[in-house]
Amino acid sequence: MSDMIYRPRRLRVSRLLRDMVAETTLKPAGMIQPYFVCEGKGIKGEIPSMPGIFRESPDSLARSLADDMKLGIKRIMLFGVPDRKDAKASSALGDDAVVNVAIKMLRDKFGEDIFIAADVCLCAYTDSGHCGVITDDKIDNDSSLPILAEMATGLAKVGCDCVAPSDMMDGRVGAIRDALDDAGFEDTLIMAYSAKYASAYYGPFRDAADSAPAHGDRKTYQMDFRNRREAIKEVALDIEEGTDIVMIKPALAYLDVIADVQSQFAVPVAAYNVSGEFTIVKMMAERGYAEEKQLVLENLTAITRAGADVILTYHLRDILKHGWLDG
């Protein structure tokens, strides 16, 4: 007879038992599906670098969402892909801005049955491809703030529930919060990309949104991936300026940062399971190197286990369509 007292394997002997003692559970209610909105009508084109993800005109997006909502998708994030770009990101502003048109259409069609968040950044709208305007060949932080604030207010005006500044300009959360409050949108949420790193994982997104920098890179405003403590400072500043939710982006290479932020701040923590992370899974599954369901669930469980309350992920439609979370 063995004198072994401790047998941790006893808690793993069956699926029912493993599920009962699992420390982390994925919940679709905490996931947001991103969508890309382009100008025009009747347009739906798959993005080559992101299988199963599309650029869609507002009318096509409304039809796609009607189907996706039947699956259980009720929380979305919108990114604009405009036809026109200029130095001041003017196509991001006004009632005819492509995301504003889409939000109004979706709000009219679905009412309060859908939670709409929208990206607030200039990169897809500037001819430079940078997240702020340029003055004397430099990203002009302070001149970018009024444009970002106007963009956010315009989104709230047409029914956006949550604005998500991803530009990483200093002071932008405060500028946006002040503008929203002054315009009477005190209830509009801010979900700030508080710790957004200059990452190589964004390539497919830049293809999707046509937002790659025309020159230079974004390392003067997005965070250095070698830094961990700096994220705490960035998050603290955004909370002080009025954000309601903080976000870490990307997710998988920054699980330590997610855990740090969750342990130190009493606000909801979001993480963006970004385009490169998504495409790697799709490529591995397509080539038979791994099973897609297992990769997706392992990745999203890791992000949740690290401390994310909310996950933005391109996988949500597949998760619900194929019942990957069903018992």
C-alpha atoms as a PDB file:
ATOM      1  CA  MET A   1       0.000   0.000   0.000  1.00  0.00           C
ATOM      2  CA  SER A   2       1.385   3.381  -0.973  1.00  0.00           C
ATOM      3  CA  ASP A   3       2.162   5.919   1.732  1.00  0.00           C
ATOM      4  CA  MET A   4       1.539   8.773  -0.715  1.00  0.00           C
ATOM      5  CA  ILE A   5      -0.824  11.317   0.925  1.00  0.00           C
ATOM      6  CA  TYR A   6      -1.059  14.003  -1.710  1.00  0.00           C
ATOM      7  CA  ARG A   7      -2.535  13.037  -5.081  1.00  0.00           C
ATOM      8  CA  PRO A   8      -3.510  16.193  -7.002  1.00  0.00           C
ATOM      9  CA  ARG A   9      -4.558  13.997  -9.936  1.00  0.00           C
ATOM     10  CA  ARG A  10      -7.662  12.963  -8.006  1.00  0.00           C
ATOM     11  CA  LEU A  11      -9.173  16.346  -8.907  1.00  0.00           C
ATOM     12  CA  ARG A  12      -8.613  15.667 -12.634  1.00  0.00           C
ATOM     13  CA  VAL A  13     -10.070  12.178 -13.077  1.00  0.00           C
ATOM     14  CA  SER A  14     -13.249  13.238 -14.969  1.00  0.00           C
ATOM     15  CA  ARG A  15     -14.591  16.100 -17.036  1.00  0.00           C
ATOM     16  CA  LEU A  16     -17.393  16.754 -14.547  1.00  0.00           C
ATOM     17  CA  LEU A  17     -14.918  16.985 -11.683  1.00  0.00           C
ATOM     18  CA  ARG A  18     -12.489  19.180 -13.628  1.00  0.00           C
ATOM     19  CA  ASP A  19     -15.314  21.549 -14.514  1.00  0.00           C
ATOM     20  CA  MET A  20     -16.460  21.653 -10.896  1.00  0.00           C
ATOM     21  CA  VAL A  21     -13.082  22.767  -9.529  1.00  0.00           C
ATOM     22  CA  ALA A  22     -11.978  24.923 -12.478  1.00  0.00           C
ATOM     23  CA  GLU A  23     -10.536  28.217 -11.266  1.00  0.00           C
ATOM     24  CA  THR A  24     -11.303  30.148 -14.455  1.00  0.00           C
ATOM     25  CA  THR A  25     -14.468  30.195 -16.554  1.00  0.00           C
ATOM     26  CA  LEU A  26     -14.950  31.928 -19.899  1.00  0.00           C
ATOM     27  CA  LYS A  27     -18.138  33.946 -20.308  1.00  0.00           C
ATOM     28  CA  PRO A  28     -19.402  35.300 -23.641  1.00  0.00           C
ATOM     29  CA  ALA A  29     -21.002  38.204 -21.749  1.00  0.00           C
ATOM     30  CA  GLY A  30     -17.497  39.483 -21.111  1.00  0.00           C
ATOM     31  CA  MET A  31     -16.438  39.345 -24.779  1.00  0.00           C
ATOM     32  CA  ILE A  32     -16.679  42.000 -27.492  1.00  0.00           C
ATOM     33  CA  GLN A  33     -16.572  41.264 -31.238  1.00  0.00           C
ATOM     34  CA  PRO A  34     -14.791  43.870 -33.400  1.00  0.00           C
ATOM     35  CA  TYR A  35     -16.107  44.919 -36.846  1.00  0.00           C
ATOM     36  CA  PHE A  36     -14.632  47.040 -39.649  1.00  0.00           C
ATOM     37  CA  VAL A  37     -16.942  49.558 -41.336  1.00  0.00           C
ATOM     38  CA  CYS A  38     -16.205  50.956 -44.788  1.00  0.00           C
ATOM     39  CA  GLU A  39     -18.041  53.521 -46.873  1.00  0.00           C
ATOM     40  CA  GLY A  40     -20.521  52.663 -49.606  1.00  0.00           C
ATOM     41  CA  LYS A  41     -23.453  50.267 -49.933  1.00  0.00           C
ATOM     42  CA  GLY A  42     -23.723  46.543 -50.370  1.00  0.00           C
ATOM     43  CA  ILE A  43     -20.052  45.948 -49.598  1.00  0.00           C
ATOM     44  CA  LYS A  44     -18.778  42.911 -47.721  1.00  0.00           C
ATOM     45  CA  GLY A  45     -15.230  41.834 -48.431  1.00  0.00           C
ATOM     46  CA  GLU A  46     -13.205  39.313 -46.453  1.00  0.00           C
ATOM     47  CA  ILE A  47      -9.880  40.598 -45.149  1.00  0.00           C
ATOM     48  CA  PRO A  48      -7.174  38.328 -46.598  1.00  0.00           C
ATOM     49  CA  SER A  49      -4.984  38.444 -43.492  1.00  0.00           C
ATOM     50  CA  MET A  50      -7.931  37.790 -41.124  1.00  0.00           C
ATOM     51  CA  PRO A  51      -9.990  34.787 -42.277  1.00  0.00           C
ATOM     52  CA  GLY A  52     -13.680  35.174 -41.472  1.00  0.00           C
ATOM     53  CA  ILE A  53     -13.423  38.898 -40.718  1.00  0.00           C
ATOM     54  CA  PHE A  54     -14.816  41.458 -43.170  1.00  0.00           C
ATOM     55  CA  ARG A  55     -14.860  45.082 -44.187  1.00  0.00           C
ATOM     56  CA  GLU A  56     -18.516  45.996 -44.524  1.00  0.00           C
ATOM     57  CA  SER A  57     -20.562  49.009 -45.497  1.00  0.00           C
ATOM     58  CA  PRO A  58     -23.107  50.100 -42.855  1.00  0.00           C
ATOM     59  CA  ASP A  59     -26.054  48.393 -44.563  1.00  0.00           C
ATOM     60  CA  SER A  60     -24.162  45.114 -44.891  1.00  0.00           C
ATOM     61  CA  LEU A  61     -22.983  45.376 -41.286  1.00  0.00           C
ATOM     62  CA  ALA A  62     -26.590  45.733 -40.114  1.00  0.00           C
ATOM     63  CA  ARG A  63     -27.517  42.517 -41.933  1.00  0.00           C
ATOM     64  CA  SER A  64     -24.487  40.659 -40.594  1.00  0.00           C
ATOM     65  CA  LEU A  65     -25.224  41.797 -37.055  1.00  0.00           C
ATOM     66  CA  ALA A  66     -28.806  40.579 -37.300  1.00  0.00           C
ATOM     67  CA  ASP A  67     -27.383  37.087 -37.879  1.00  0.00           C
ATOM     68  CA  ASP A  68     -24.627  37.473 -35.273  1.00  0.00           C
ATOM     69  CA  MET A  69     -27.081  38.611 -32.627  1.00  0.00           C
ATOM     70  CA  LYS A  70     -28.985  35.356 -33.121  1.00  0.00           C
ATOM     71  CA  LEU A  71     -25.757  33.595 -32.135  1.00  0.00           C
ATOM     72  CA  GLY A  72     -25.556  35.712 -28.986  1.00  0.00           C
ATOM     73  CA  ILE A  73     -23.258  38.580 -29.970  1.00  0.00           C
ATOM     74  CA  LYS A  74     -24.608  41.663 -28.233  1.00  0.00           C
ATOM     75  CA  ARG A  75     -21.445  43.711 -27.621  1.00  0.00           C
ATOM     76  CA  ILE A  76     -19.413  45.106 -30.508  1.00  0.00           C
ATOM     77  CA  MET A  77     -16.499  47.416 -31.265  1.00  0.00           C
ATOM     78  CA  LEU A  78     -16.454  49.412 -34.500  1.00  0.00           C
ATOM     79  CA  PHE A  79     -13.443  50.579 -36.502  1.00  0.00           C
ATOM     80  CA  GLY A  80     -13.774  52.918 -39.465  1.00  0.00           C
ATOM     81  CA  VAL A  81     -12.208  52.465 -42.894  1.00  0.00           C
ATOM     82  CA  PRO A  82     -12.859  55.786 -44.669  1.00  0.00           C
ATOM     83  CA  ASP A  83     -12.378  56.578 -48.355  1.00  0.00           C
ATOM     84  CA  ARG A  84     -10.790  59.956 -47.647  1.00  0.00           C
ATOM     85  CA  LYS A  85      -7.751  60.795 -45.533  1.00  0.00           C
ATOM     86  CA  ASP A  86      -6.097  64.129 -44.820  1.00  0.00           C
ATOM     87  CA  ALA A  87      -3.693  65.785 -42.398  1.00  0.00           C
ATOM     88  CA  LYS A  88      -6.418  66.681 -39.872  1.00  0.00           C
ATOM     89  CA  ALA A  89      -8.427  63.429 -39.934  1.00  0.00           C
ATOM     90  CA  SER A  90     -11.487  65.378 -41.039  1.00  0.00           C
ATOM     91  CA  SER A  91     -13.300  62.270 -42.303  1.00  0.00           C
ATOM     92  CA  ALA A  92     -13.517  61.055 -38.687  1.00  0.00           C
ATOM     93  CA  LEU A  93     -15.772  64.004 -37.807  1.00  0.00           C
ATOM     94  CA  GLY A  94     -19.362  64.929 -38.537  1.00  0.00           C
ATOM     95  CA  ASP A  95     -22.602  63.060 -39.091  1.00  0.00           C
ATOM     96  CA  ASP A  96     -21.342  61.560 -42.358  1.00  0.00           C
ATOM     97  CA  ALA A  97     -18.258  59.942 -40.793  1.00  0.00           C
ATOM     98  CA  VAL A  98     -18.496  56.274 -41.686  1.00  0.00           C
ATOM     99  CA  VAL A  99     -18.680  54.938 -38.118  1.00  0.00           C
ATOM    100  CA  ASN A 100     -21.233  57.579 -37.138  1.00  0.00           C
ATOM    101  CA  VAL A 101     -23.424  56.547 -40.080  1.00  0.00           C
ATOM    102  CA  ALA A 102     -23.126  52.903 -39.057  1.00  0.00           C
ATOM    103  CA  ILE A 103     -23.930  53.550 -35.393  1.00  0.00           C
ATOM    104  CA  LYS A 104     -27.043  55.531 -36.239  1.00  0.00           C
ATOM    105  CA  MET A 105     -28.225  52.740 -38.532  1.00  0.00           C
ATOM    106  CA  LEU A 106     -27.530  50.051 -35.930  1.00  0.00           C
ATOM    107  CA  ARG A 107     -29.177  52.012 -33.132  1.00  0.00           C
ATOM    108  CA  ASP A 108     -32.278  52.598 -35.252  1.00  0.00           C
ATOM    109  CA  LYS A 109     -32.456  48.899 -36.153  1.00  0.00           C
ATOM    110  CA  PHE A 110     -31.539  47.217 -32.873  1.00  0.00           C
ATOM    111  CA  GLY A 111     -32.300  49.831 -30.224  1.00  0.00           C
ATOM    112  CA  GLU A 112     -30.942  48.945 -26.804  1.00  0.00           C
ATOM    113  CA  ASP A 113     -30.484  45.255 -27.658  1.00  0.00           C
ATOM    114  CA  ILE A 114     -26.883  45.923 -28.632  1.00  0.00           C
ATOM    115  CA  PHE A 115     -23.928  47.521 -26.818  1.00  0.00           C
ATOM    116  CA  ILE A 116     -21.891  49.624 -29.228  1.00  0.00           C
ATOM    117  CA  ALA A 117     -18.318  50.693 -28.560  1.00  0.00           C
ATOM    118  CA  ALA A 118     -16.238  52.565 -31.112  1.00  0.00           C
ATOM    119  CA  ASP A 119     -12.555  53.208 -31.544  1.00  0.00           C
ATOM    120  CA  VAL A 120     -11.359  56.800 -31.101  1.00  0.00           C
ATOM    121  CA  CYS A 121      -8.097  57.263 -32.986  1.00  0.00           C
ATOM    122  CA  LEU A 122      -6.874  59.222 -35.987  1.00  0.00           C
ATOM    123  CA  CYS A 123      -4.637  56.639 -37.684  1.00  0.00           C
ATOM    124  CA  ALA A 124      -7.248  55.377 -40.174  1.00  0.00           C
ATOM    125  CA  TYR A 125      -8.232  58.944 -41.076  1.00  0.00           C
ATOM    126  CA  THR A 126      -4.888  60.766 -41.435  1.00  0.00           C
ATOM    127  CA  ASP A 127      -2.849  60.665 -44.619  1.00  0.00           C
ATOM    128  CA  SER A 128       0.201  60.033 -42.439  1.00  0.00           C
ATOM    129  CA  GLY A 129      -1.325  56.929 -40.868  1.00  0.00           C
ATOM    130  CA  HIS A 130      -0.343  58.208 -37.431  1.00  0.00           C
ATOM    131  CA  CYS A 131      -2.602  58.364 -34.389  1.00  0.00           C
ATOM    132  CA  GLY A 132      -2.119  62.120 -33.931  1.00  0.00           C
ATOM    133  CA  VAL A 133      -1.747  65.070 -36.248  1.00  0.00           C
ATOM    134  CA  ILE A 134       1.716  66.115 -37.404  1.00  0.00           C
ATOM    135  CA  THR A 135       3.296  69.523 -36.905  1.00  0.00           C
ATOM    136  CA  ASP A 136       6.866  70.197 -38.032  1.00  0.00           C
ATOM    137  CA  ASP A 137       7.392  66.487 -38.750  1.00  0.00           C
ATOM    138  CA  LYS A 138       6.442  65.470 -35.193  1.00  0.00           C
ATOM    139  CA  ILE A 139       3.316  63.978 -33.670  1.00  0.00           C
ATOM    140  CA  ASP A 140       1.611  66.993 -32.104  1.00  0.00           C
ATOM    141  CA  ASN A 141       0.111  65.622 -28.905  1.00  0.00           C
ATOM    142  CA  ASP A 142      -1.811  68.706 -27.732  1.00  0.00           C
ATOM    143  CA  SER A 143      -3.186  69.641 -31.162  1.00  0.00           C
ATOM    144  CA  SER A 144      -4.560  66.116 -31.501  1.00  0.00           C
ATOM    145  CA  LEU A 145      -6.643  66.277 -28.319  1.00  0.00           C
ATOM    146  CA  PRO A 146      -9.456  68.546 -29.588  1.00  0.00           C
ATOM    147  CA  ILE A 147      -9.879  66.364 -32.677  1.00  0.00           C
ATOM    148  CA  LEU A 148     -10.080  63.202 -30.577  1.00  0.00           C
ATOM    149  CA  ALA A 149     -12.560  64.876 -28.235  1.00  0.00           C
ATOM    150  CA  GLU A 150     -14.723  66.011 -31.157  1.00  0.00           C
ATOM    151  CA  MET A 151     -14.621  62.523 -32.650  1.00  0.00           C
ATOM    152  CA  ALA A 152     -15.722  60.981 -29.339  1.00  0.00           C
ATOM    153  CA  THR A 153     -18.541  63.487 -28.886  1.00  0.00           C
ATOM    154  CA  GLY A 154     -19.774  62.812 -32.417  1.00  0.00           C
ATOM    155  CA  LEU A 155     -19.905  59.101 -31.688  1.00  0.00           C
ATOM    156  CA  ALA A 156     -21.882  59.675 -28.491  1.00  0.00           C
ATOM    157  CA  LYS A 157     -24.299  61.943 -30.344  1.00  0.00           C
ATOM    158  CA  VAL A 158     -25.378  59.151 -32.707  1.00  0.00           C
ATOM    159  CA  GLY A 159     -25.837  56.601 -29.920  1.00  0.00           C
ATOM    160  CA  CYS A 160     -22.451  55.072 -29.126  1.00  0.00           C
ATOM    161  CA  ASP A 161     -22.473  53.543 -25.636  1.00  0.00           C
ATOM    162  CA  CYS A 162     -18.711  53.506 -25.154  1.00  0.00           C
ATOM    163  CA  VAL A 163     -15.857  55.433 -26.758  1.00  0.00           C
ATOM    164  CA  ALA A 164     -12.459  53.751 -26.774  1.00  0.00           C
ATOM    165  CA  PRO A 165      -9.469  56.068 -27.265  1.00  0.00           C
ATOM    166  CA  SER A 166      -6.583  54.005 -28.643  1.00  0.00           C
ATOM    167  CA  ASP A 167      -4.271  56.808 -29.761  1.00  0.00           C
ATOM    168  CA  MET A 168      -2.027  56.945 -26.660  1.00  0.00           C
ATOM    169  CA  MET A 169      -1.781  60.741 -26.702  1.00  0.00           C
ATOM    170  CA  ASP A 170      -1.084  62.152 -23.232  1.00  0.00           C
ATOM    171  CA  GLY A 171      -4.174  63.717 -21.658  1.00  0.00           C
ATOM    172  CA  ARG A 172      -6.679  62.430 -24.175  1.00  0.00           C
ATOM    173  CA  VAL A 173      -8.942  60.723 -21.633  1.00  0.00           C
ATOM    174  CA  GLY A 174      -9.385  63.962 -19.700  1.00  0.00           C
ATOM    175  CA  ALA A 175     -10.056  65.928 -22.880  1.00  0.00           C
ATOM    176  CA  ILE A 176     -12.644  63.393 -24.026  1.00  0.00           C
ATOM    177  CA  ARG A 177     -14.336  63.165 -20.620  1.00  0.00           C
ATOM    178  CA  ASP A 178     -14.632  66.954 -20.415  1.00  0.00           C
ATOM    179  CA  ALA A 179     -16.030  67.176 -23.943  1.00  0.00           C
ATOM    180  CA  LEU A 180     -18.570  64.419 -23.351  1.00  0.00           C
ATOM    181  CA  ASP A 181     -19.740  65.943 -20.086  1.00  0.00           C
ATOM    182  CA  ASP A 182     -19.985  69.451 -21.557  1.00  0.00           C
ATOM    183  CA  ALA A 183     -22.127  68.058 -24.384  1.00  0.00           C
ATOM    184  CA  GLY A 184     -24.479  66.277 -21.978  1.00  0.00           C
ATOM    185  CA  PHE A 185     -23.129  62.752 -22.455  1.00  0.00           C
ATOM    186  CA  GLU A 186     -22.215  62.061 -18.846  1.00  0.00           C
ATOM    187  CA  ASP A 187     -23.387  58.443 -19.174  1.00  0.00           C
ATOM    188  CA  THR A 188     -21.177  57.614 -22.161  1.00  0.00           C
ATOM    189  CA  LEU A 189     -18.464  55.186 -21.065  1.00  0.00           C
ATOM    190  CA  ILE A 190     -14.784  55.566 -21.794  1.00  0.00           C
ATOM    191  CA  MET A 191     -12.789  52.376 -22.272  1.00  0.00           C
ATOM    192  CA  ALA A 192      -9.254  53.646 -22.667  1.00  0.00           C
ATOM    193  CA  TYR A 193      -6.444  51.722 -24.288  1.00  0.00           C
ATOM    194  CA  SER A 194      -4.394  52.608 -21.236  1.00  0.00           C
ATOM    195  CA  ALA A 195      -1.405  50.325 -21.808  1.00  0.00           C
ATOM    196  CA  LYS A 196      -1.094  49.956 -25.560  1.00  0.00           C
ATOM    197  CA  TYR A 197       2.271  48.617 -26.620  1.00  0.00           C
ATOM    198  CA  ALA A 198       4.147  49.221 -29.874  1.00  0.00           C
ATOM    199  CA  SER A 199       3.691  45.645 -31.044  1.00  0.00           C
ATOM    200  CA  ALA A 200       4.456  43.511 -34.069  1.00  0.00           C
ATOM    201  CA  TYR A 201       1.116  41.750 -33.530  1.00  0.00           C
ATOM    202  CA  TYR A 202      -0.902  44.538 -35.201  1.00  0.00           C
ATOM    203  CA  GLY A 203      -0.024  43.734 -38.817  1.00  0.00           C
ATOM    204  CA  PRO A 204      -3.329  42.176 -39.931  1.00  0.00           C
ATOM    205  CA  PHE A 205      -5.311  44.989 -38.279  1.00  0.00           C
ATOM    206  CA  ARG A 206      -3.338  47.624 -40.179  1.00  0.00           C
ATOM    207  CA  ASP A 207      -4.159  45.724 -43.352  1.00  0.00           C
ATOM    208  CA  ALA A 208      -7.845  45.620 -42.384  1.00  0.00           C
ATOM    209  CA  ALA A 209      -8.102  49.294 -41.436  1.00  0.00           C
ATOM    210  CA  ASP A 210      -5.575  50.590 -43.970  1.00  0.00           C
ATOM    211  CA  SER A 211      -3.865  52.337 -41.079  1.00  0.00           C
ATOM    212  CA  ALA A 212      -0.167  51.558 -41.389  1.00  0.00           C
ATOM    213  CA  PRO A 213       2.045  54.637 -40.869  1.00  0.00           C
ATOM    214  CA  ALA A 214       3.133  56.206 -44.151  1.00  0.00           C
ATOM    215  CA  HIS A 215       6.500  56.940 -42.552  1.00  0.00           C
ATOM    216  CA  GLY A 216       8.246  56.199 -39.291  1.00  0.00           C
ATOM    217  CA  ASP A 217       6.655  54.144 -36.531  1.00  0.00           C
ATOM    218  CA  ARG A 218       4.534  54.620 -33.413  1.00  0.00           C
ATOM    219  CA  LYS A 219       7.195  54.085 -30.796  1.00  0.00           C
ATOM    220  CA  THR A 220       7.101  57.700 -29.598  1.00  0.00           C
ATOM    221  CA  TYR A 221       3.547  57.287 -28.307  1.00  0.00           C
ATOM    222  CA  GLN A 222       2.779  53.562 -27.982  1.00  0.00           C
ATOM    223  CA  MET A 223       4.562  51.861 -25.109  1.00  0.00           C
ATOM    224  CA  ASP A 224       7.934  50.110 -25.211  1.00  0.00           C
ATOM    225  CA  PHE A 225       7.371  46.355 -24.890  1.00  0.00           C
ATOM    226  CA  ARG A 226      10.318  46.116 -22.514  1.00  0.00           C
ATOM    227  CA  ASN A 227       8.444  48.122 -19.850  1.00  0.00           C
ATOM    228  CA  ARG A 228       6.119  46.734 -17.192  1.00  0.00           C
ATOM    229  CA  ARG A 229       5.989  49.317 -14.394  1.00  0.00           C
ATOM    230  CA  GLU A 230       5.253  52.084 -16.898  1.00  0.00           C
ATOM    231  CA  ALA A 231       1.870  50.476 -17.569  1.00  0.00           C
ATOM    232  CA  ILE A 232       0.842  51.118 -13.982  1.00  0.00           C
ATOM    233  CA  LYS A 233       1.582  54.813 -14.398  1.00  0.00           C
ATOM    234  CA  GLU A 234      -0.384  55.008 -17.648  1.00  0.00           C
ATOM    235  CA  VAL A 235      -3.374  53.217 -16.139  1.00  0.00           C
ATOM    236  CA  ALA A 236      -3.331  55.416 -13.027  1.00  0.00           C
ATOM    237  CA  LEU A 237      -3.313  58.574 -15.154  1.00  0.00           C
ATOM    238  CA  ASP A 238      -6.245  57.390 -17.273  1.00  0.00           C
ATOM    239  CA  ILE A 239      -8.282  56.521 -14.182  1.00  0.00           C
ATOM    240  CA  GLU A 240      -7.515  59.927 -12.698  1.00  0.00           C
ATOM    241  CA  GLU A 241      -8.685  61.565 -15.940  1.00  0.00           C
ATOM    242  CA  GLY A 242     -11.987  59.702 -15.914  1.00  0.00           C
ATOM    243  CA  THR A 243     -11.846  56.401 -17.788  1.00  0.00           C
ATOM    244  CA  ASP A 244     -14.368  53.777 -16.712  1.00  0.00           C
ATOM    245  CA  ILE A 245     -12.566  50.715 -18.098  1.00  0.00           C
ATOM    246  CA  VAL A 246      -8.850  50.290 -18.759  1.00  0.00           C
ATOM    247  CA  MET A 247      -7.447  48.136 -21.528  1.00  0.00           C
ATOM    248  CA  ILE A 248      -4.179  46.333 -22.124  1.00  0.00           C
ATOM    249  CA  LYS A 249      -3.204  45.669 -25.747  1.00  0.00           C
ATOM    250  CA  PRO A 250      -2.034  43.161 -26.969  1.00  0.00           C
ATOM    251  CA  ALA A 251      -3.120  40.441 -24.563  1.00  0.00           C
ATOM    252  CA  LEU A 252      -1.103  37.247 -24.835  1.00  0.00           C
ATOM    253  CA  ALA A 253       2.377  38.782 -24.702  1.00  0.00           C
ATOM    254  CA  TYR A 254       1.313  41.038 -21.788  1.00  0.00           C
ATOM    255  CA  LEU A 255      -0.396  38.683 -19.344  1.00  0.00           C
ATOM    256  CA  ASP A 256       1.906  39.966 -16.604  1.00  0.00           C
ATOM    257  CA  VAL A 257       0.668  43.516 -17.215  1.00  0.00           C
ATOM    258  CA  ILE A 258      -2.977  42.391 -17.122  1.00  0.00           C
ATOM    259  CA  ALA A 259      -2.323  40.696 -13.776  1.00  0.00           C
ATOM    260  CA  ASP A 260      -0.529  43.760 -12.392  1.00  0.00           C
ATOM    261  CA  VAL A 261      -3.354  46.101 -13.360  1.00  0.00           C
ATOM    262  CA  GLN A 262      -6.063  43.772 -12.038  1.00  0.00           C
ATOM    263  CA  SER A 263      -4.334  43.512  -8.677  1.00  0.00           C
ATOM    264  CA  GLN A 264      -3.736  47.243  -8.237  1.00  0.00           C
ATOM    265  CA  PHE A 265      -6.876  49.000  -9.516  1.00  0.00           C
ATOM    266  CA  ALA A 266     -10.567  48.677  -8.675  1.00  0.00           C
ATOM    267  CA  VAL A 267     -11.874  49.229 -12.205  1.00  0.00           C
ATOM    268  CA  PRO A 268     -12.858  46.721 -14.912  1.00  0.00           C
ATOM    269  CA  VAL A 269      -9.841  45.530 -16.897  1.00  0.00           C
ATOM    270  CA  ALA A 270     -10.153  44.790 -20.608  1.00  0.00           C
ATOM    271  CA  ALA A 271      -7.630  43.056 -22.844  1.00  0.00           C
ATOM    272  CA  TYR A 272      -7.470  43.048 -26.641  1.00  0.00           C
ATOM    273  CA  ASN A 273      -6.810  39.645 -28.201  1.00  0.00           C
ATOM    274  CA  VAL A 274      -5.370  41.359 -31.262  1.00  0.00           C
ATOM    275  CA  SER A 275      -5.341  40.608 -34.974  1.00  0.00           C
ATOM    276  CA  GLY A 276      -1.924  38.967 -35.041  1.00  0.00           C
ATOM    277  CA  GLU A 277      -2.880  36.647 -32.196  1.00  0.00           C
ATOM    278  CA  PHE A 278      -6.072  35.772 -34.093  1.00  0.00           C
ATOM    279  CA  THR A 279      -4.332  35.142 -37.406  1.00  0.00           C
ATOM    280  CA  ILE A 280      -1.653  32.924 -35.844  1.00  0.00           C
ATOM    281  CA  VAL A 281      -4.415  30.664 -34.522  1.00  0.00           C
ATOM    282  CA  LYS A 282      -6.131  30.576 -37.912  1.00  0.00           C
ATOM    283  CA  MET A 283      -2.873  29.740 -39.714  1.00  0.00           C
ATOM    284  CA  MET A 284      -1.942  26.961 -37.280  1.00  0.00           C
ATOM    285  CA  ALA A 285      -5.410  25.424 -37.554  1.00  0.00           C
ATOM    286  CA  GLU A 286      -5.466  25.724 -41.340  1.00  0.00           C
ATOM    287  CA  ARG A 287      -2.125  23.921 -41.645  1.00  0.00           C
ATOM    288  CA  GLY A 288      -3.116  21.206 -39.225  1.00  0.00           C
ATOM    289  CA  TYR A 289      -0.602  22.119 -36.541  1.00  0.00           C
ATOM    290  CA  ALA A 290      -3.256  22.408 -33.822  1.00  0.00           C
ATOM    291  CA  GLU A 291      -7.014  22.271 -33.294  1.00  0.00           C
ATOM    292  CA  GLU A 292      -8.583  25.717 -33.541  1.00  0.00           C
ATOM    293  CA  LYS A 293     -11.060  25.268 -30.699  1.00  0.00           C
ATOM    294  CA  GLN A 294      -8.355  24.191 -28.266  1.00  0.00           C
ATOM    295  CA  LEU A 295      -6.061  27.077 -29.222  1.00  0.00           C
ATOM    296  CA  VAL A 296      -8.829  29.651 -28.885  1.00  0.00           C
ATOM    297  CA  LEU A 297     -10.076  28.405 -25.530  1.00  0.00           C
ATOM    298  CA  GLU A 298      -6.561  28.074 -24.124  1.00  0.00           C
ATOM    299  CA  ASN A 299      -5.628  31.595 -25.218  1.00  0.00           C
ATOM    300  CA  LEU A 300      -8.793  33.241 -23.937  1.00  0.00           C
ATOM    301  CA  THR A 301      -8.648  31.300 -20.669  1.00  0.00           C
ATOM    302  CA  ALA A 302      -5.068  32.518 -20.159  1.00  0.00           C
ATOM    303  CA  ILE A 303      -6.180  36.106 -20.691  1.00  0.00           C
ATOM    304  CA  THR A 304      -9.065  35.655 -18.247  1.00  0.00           C
ATOM    305  CA  ARG A 305      -6.871  33.840 -15.730  1.00  0.00           C
ATOM    306  CA  ALA A 306      -4.416  36.753 -15.811  1.00  0.00           C
ATOM    307  CA  GLY A 307      -7.233  39.062 -14.694  1.00  0.00           C
ATOM    308  CA  ALA A 308      -9.129  40.403 -17.700  1.00  0.00           C
ATOM    309  CA  ASP A 309     -12.800  41.098 -17.014  1.00  0.00           C
ATOM    310  CA  VAL A 310     -13.500  41.965 -20.660  1.00  0.00           C
ATOM    311  CA  ILE A 311     -11.881  40.539 -23.800  1.00  0.00           C
ATOM    312  CA  LEU A 312     -12.066  42.014 -27.273  1.00  0.00           C
ATOM    313  CA  THR A 313     -11.642  39.055 -29.602  1.00  0.00           C
ATOM    314  CA  TYR A 314     -12.237  38.259 -33.267  1.00  0.00           C
ATOM    315  CA  HIS A 315     -12.923  34.645 -32.211  1.00  0.00           C
ATOM    316  CA  LEU A 316     -16.279  35.334 -30.556  1.00  0.00           C
ATOM    317  CA  ARG A 317     -18.404  34.561 -33.602  1.00  0.00           C
ATOM    318  CA  ASP A 318     -16.704  31.180 -34.064  1.00  0.00           C
ATOM    319  CA  ILE A 319     -17.014  30.392 -30.348  1.00  0.00           C
ATOM    320  CA  LEU A 320     -20.771  30.933 -30.404  1.00  0.00           C
ATOM    321  CA  LYS A 321     -21.391  29.478 -33.875  1.00  0.00           C
ATOM    322  CA  HIS A 322     -19.661  26.209 -33.044  1.00  0.00           C
ATOM    323  CA  GLY A 323     -20.742  26.010 -29.386  1.00  0.00           C
ATOM    324  CA  TRP A 324     -17.185  25.795 -28.111  1.00  0.00           C
ATOM    325  CA  LEU A 325     -18.241  26.821 -24.590  1.00  0.00           C
ATOM    326  CA  ASP A 326     -21.158  24.407 -24.396  1.00  0.00           C
ATOM    327  CA  GLY A 327     -20.820  21.632 -21.871  1.00  0.00           C
END
